[in-house]
Amino acid sequence: MKAIWNGVVIAESDDTVVVEGNHYFPMAALKREYTTFSNHRTSCPWKGQASYFSLLVNGDMNPDAVWYYPAPYEAAAEIKDRVAFWKGVQVTE
């Protein structure tokens, strides 16, 4: 699987976990040179608190486009140390 935004592969891995229709990539698959800090947080009743990264590719910013659960609840343990994407990031095979 590949996550692509603004014409650039942001993450690539054959090891994704699908939860609620979202592919969660291993954190190590995320190309950190395209990420920047975000202080955005959200909460899910069964997964826990999500943290975010923003993307910065070719001078364009995509705020809060990457999310992850640093300490997921036990029900979502399979997505620990994994990232998922939205806001126009294409996830394809």
C-alpha atoms as a PDB file:
ATOM      1  CA  MET A   1       0.000   0.000   0.000  1.00  0.00           C
ATOM      2  CA  LYS A   2       1.047   3.571  -0.662  1.00  0.00           C
ATOM      3  CA  ALA A   3      -0.117   6.872   0.793  1.00  0.00           C
ATOM      4  CA  ILE A   4       0.326   9.676  -1.754  1.00  0.00           C
ATOM      5  CA  TRP A   5      -0.232  13.410  -1.436  1.00  0.00           C
ATOM      6  CA  ASN A   6       0.738  16.214  -3.789  1.00  0.00           C
ATOM      7  CA  GLY A   7       2.384  13.686  -6.119  1.00  0.00           C
ATOM      8  CA  VAL A   8       4.730  12.297  -3.451  1.00  0.00           C
ATOM      9  CA  VAL A   9       4.673   8.923  -1.679  1.00  0.00           C
ATOM     10  CA  ILE A  10       4.318   9.773   2.021  1.00  0.00           C
ATOM     11  CA  ALA A  11       4.289   6.165   3.265  1.00  0.00           C
ATOM     12  CA  GLU A  12       4.645   2.713   1.719  1.00  0.00           C
ATOM     13  CA  SER A  13       4.228  -0.716   3.296  1.00  0.00           C
ATOM     14  CA  ASP A  14       2.876  -4.206   2.684  1.00  0.00           C
ATOM     15  CA  ASP A  15       1.985  -4.345   6.386  1.00  0.00           C
ATOM     16  CA  THR A  16      -1.136  -2.270   7.013  1.00  0.00           C
ATOM     17  CA  VAL A  17      -3.950  -2.836   9.479  1.00  0.00           C
ATOM     18  CA  VAL A  18      -7.438  -1.801   8.354  1.00  0.00           C
ATOM     19  CA  VAL A  19      -9.697  -0.295  11.029  1.00  0.00           C
ATOM     20  CA  GLU A  20     -12.968   1.415  10.130  1.00  0.00           C
ATOM     21  CA  GLY A  21     -11.921   1.449   6.465  1.00  0.00           C
ATOM     22  CA  ASN A  22      -8.608   3.221   7.132  1.00  0.00           C
ATOM     23  CA  HIS A  23      -5.240   1.644   6.417  1.00  0.00           C
ATOM     24  CA  TYR A  24      -2.878   2.115   9.343  1.00  0.00           C
ATOM     25  CA  PHE A  25       0.744   2.014   8.188  1.00  0.00           C
ATOM     26  CA  PRO A  26       3.668   1.218  10.480  1.00  0.00           C
ATOM     27  CA  MET A  27       5.064   4.470  11.913  1.00  0.00           C
ATOM     28  CA  ALA A  28       8.450   3.500  10.441  1.00  0.00           C
ATOM     29  CA  ALA A  29       6.906   3.558   6.931  1.00  0.00           C
ATOM     30  CA  LEU A  30       6.047   7.255   7.254  1.00  0.00           C
ATOM     31  CA  LYS A  31       8.558   9.456   5.429  1.00  0.00           C
ATOM     32  CA  ARG A  32       9.162  11.936   8.220  1.00  0.00           C
ATOM     33  CA  GLU A  33      10.851  14.444   5.945  1.00  0.00           C
ATOM     34  CA  TYR A  34       7.316  15.308   4.732  1.00  0.00           C
ATOM     35  CA  THR A  35       5.756  15.723   8.176  1.00  0.00           C
ATOM     36  CA  THR A  36       5.636  18.651  10.510  1.00  0.00           C
ATOM     37  CA  PHE A  37       4.307  19.252  14.004  1.00  0.00           C
ATOM     38  CA  SER A  38       0.613  19.558  14.756  1.00  0.00           C
ATOM     39  CA  ASN A  39      -0.890  20.182  18.159  1.00  0.00           C
ATOM     40  CA  HIS A  40      -4.310  18.964  17.006  1.00  0.00           C
ATOM     41  CA  ARG A  41      -5.893  16.186  19.100  1.00  0.00           C
ATOM     42  CA  THR A  42      -9.148  14.276  18.890  1.00  0.00           C
ATOM     43  CA  SER A  43     -10.713  11.573  21.007  1.00  0.00           C
ATOM     44  CA  CYS A  44     -12.376   8.286  20.046  1.00  0.00           C
ATOM     45  CA  PRO A  45     -14.476   6.415  22.618  1.00  0.00           C
ATOM     46  CA  TRP A  46     -12.928   3.040  21.808  1.00  0.00           C
ATOM     47  CA  LYS A  47      -9.475   3.901  20.386  1.00  0.00           C
ATOM     48  CA  GLY A  48      -8.383   6.713  22.718  1.00  0.00           C
ATOM     49  CA  GLN A  49      -6.774  10.079  22.016  1.00  0.00           C
ATOM     50  CA  ALA A  50      -5.389  10.687  18.529  1.00  0.00           C
ATOM     51  CA  SER A  51      -2.432  12.917  17.763  1.00  0.00           C
ATOM     52  CA  TYR A  52      -1.669  14.394  14.360  1.00  0.00           C
ATOM     53  CA  PHE A  53       1.078  15.414  11.981  1.00  0.00           C
ATOM     54  CA  SER A  54       0.686  17.929   9.174  1.00  0.00           C
ATOM     55  CA  LEU A  55       2.192  17.287   5.754  1.00  0.00           C
ATOM     56  CA  LEU A  56       4.552  19.674   3.991  1.00  0.00           C
ATOM     57  CA  VAL A  57       5.263  18.623   0.405  1.00  0.00           C
ATOM     58  CA  ASN A  58       6.701  20.794  -2.372  1.00  0.00           C
ATOM     59  CA  GLY A  59       5.922  23.913  -0.346  1.00  0.00           C
ATOM     60  CA  ASP A  60       2.254  22.973   0.196  1.00  0.00           C
ATOM     61  CA  MET A  61       0.839  22.346   3.676  1.00  0.00           C
ATOM     62  CA  ASN A  62      -1.891  19.814   4.481  1.00  0.00           C
ATOM     63  CA  PRO A  63      -2.741  20.455   8.150  1.00  0.00           C
ATOM     64  CA  ASP A  64      -3.509  17.488  10.408  1.00  0.00           C
ATOM     65  CA  ALA A  65      -3.568  15.010   7.490  1.00  0.00           C
ATOM     66  CA  VAL A  66      -1.862  12.180   9.406  1.00  0.00           C
ATOM     67  CA  TRP A  67      -3.166  10.722  12.647  1.00  0.00           C
ATOM     68  CA  TYR A  68      -2.000   8.139  15.143  1.00  0.00           C
ATOM     69  CA  TYR A  69      -2.836   6.850  18.603  1.00  0.00           C
ATOM     70  CA  PRO A  70       0.263   7.047  20.837  1.00  0.00           C
ATOM     71  CA  ALA A  71      -1.435   5.076  23.619  1.00  0.00           C
ATOM     72  CA  PRO A  72      -4.528   3.374  22.173  1.00  0.00           C
ATOM     73  CA  TYR A  73      -7.040   1.652  24.401  1.00  0.00           C
ATOM     74  CA  GLU A  74      -6.749  -2.135  24.603  1.00  0.00           C
ATOM     75  CA  ALA A  75      -9.555  -2.596  22.040  1.00  0.00           C
ATOM     76  CA  ALA A  76      -7.384  -0.784  19.476  1.00  0.00           C
ATOM     77  CA  ALA A  77      -3.985  -2.197  20.476  1.00  0.00           C
ATOM     78  CA  GLU A  78      -3.347  -3.353  16.885  1.00  0.00           C
ATOM     79  CA  ILE A  79      -2.914   0.255  15.717  1.00  0.00           C
ATOM     80  CA  LYS A  80      -0.246   1.230  18.262  1.00  0.00           C
ATOM     81  CA  ASP A  81       2.805   2.711  16.469  1.00  0.00           C
ATOM     82  CA  ARG A  82       0.800   3.092  13.244  1.00  0.00           C
ATOM     83  CA  VAL A  83      -0.405   6.080  11.212  1.00  0.00           C
ATOM     84  CA  ALA A  84      -3.424   6.697   9.000  1.00  0.00           C
ATOM     85  CA  PHE A  85      -4.286   9.440   6.511  1.00  0.00           C
ATOM     86  CA  TRP A  86      -7.127  11.649   5.327  1.00  0.00           C
ATOM     87  CA  LYS A  87      -7.644  15.158   3.867  1.00  0.00           C
ATOM     88  CA  GLY A  88      -6.910  14.212   0.265  1.00  0.00           C
ATOM     89  CA  VAL A  89      -4.123  11.715   0.900  1.00  0.00           C
ATOM     90  CA  GLN A  90      -4.691   8.833  -1.532  1.00  0.00           C
ATOM     91  CA  VAL A  91      -4.158   5.332  -0.186  1.00  0.00           C
ATOM     92  CA  THR A  92      -3.740   2.823  -3.009  1.00  0.00           C
ATOM     93  CA  GLU A  93      -2.133  -0.531  -3.757  1.00  0.00           C
END
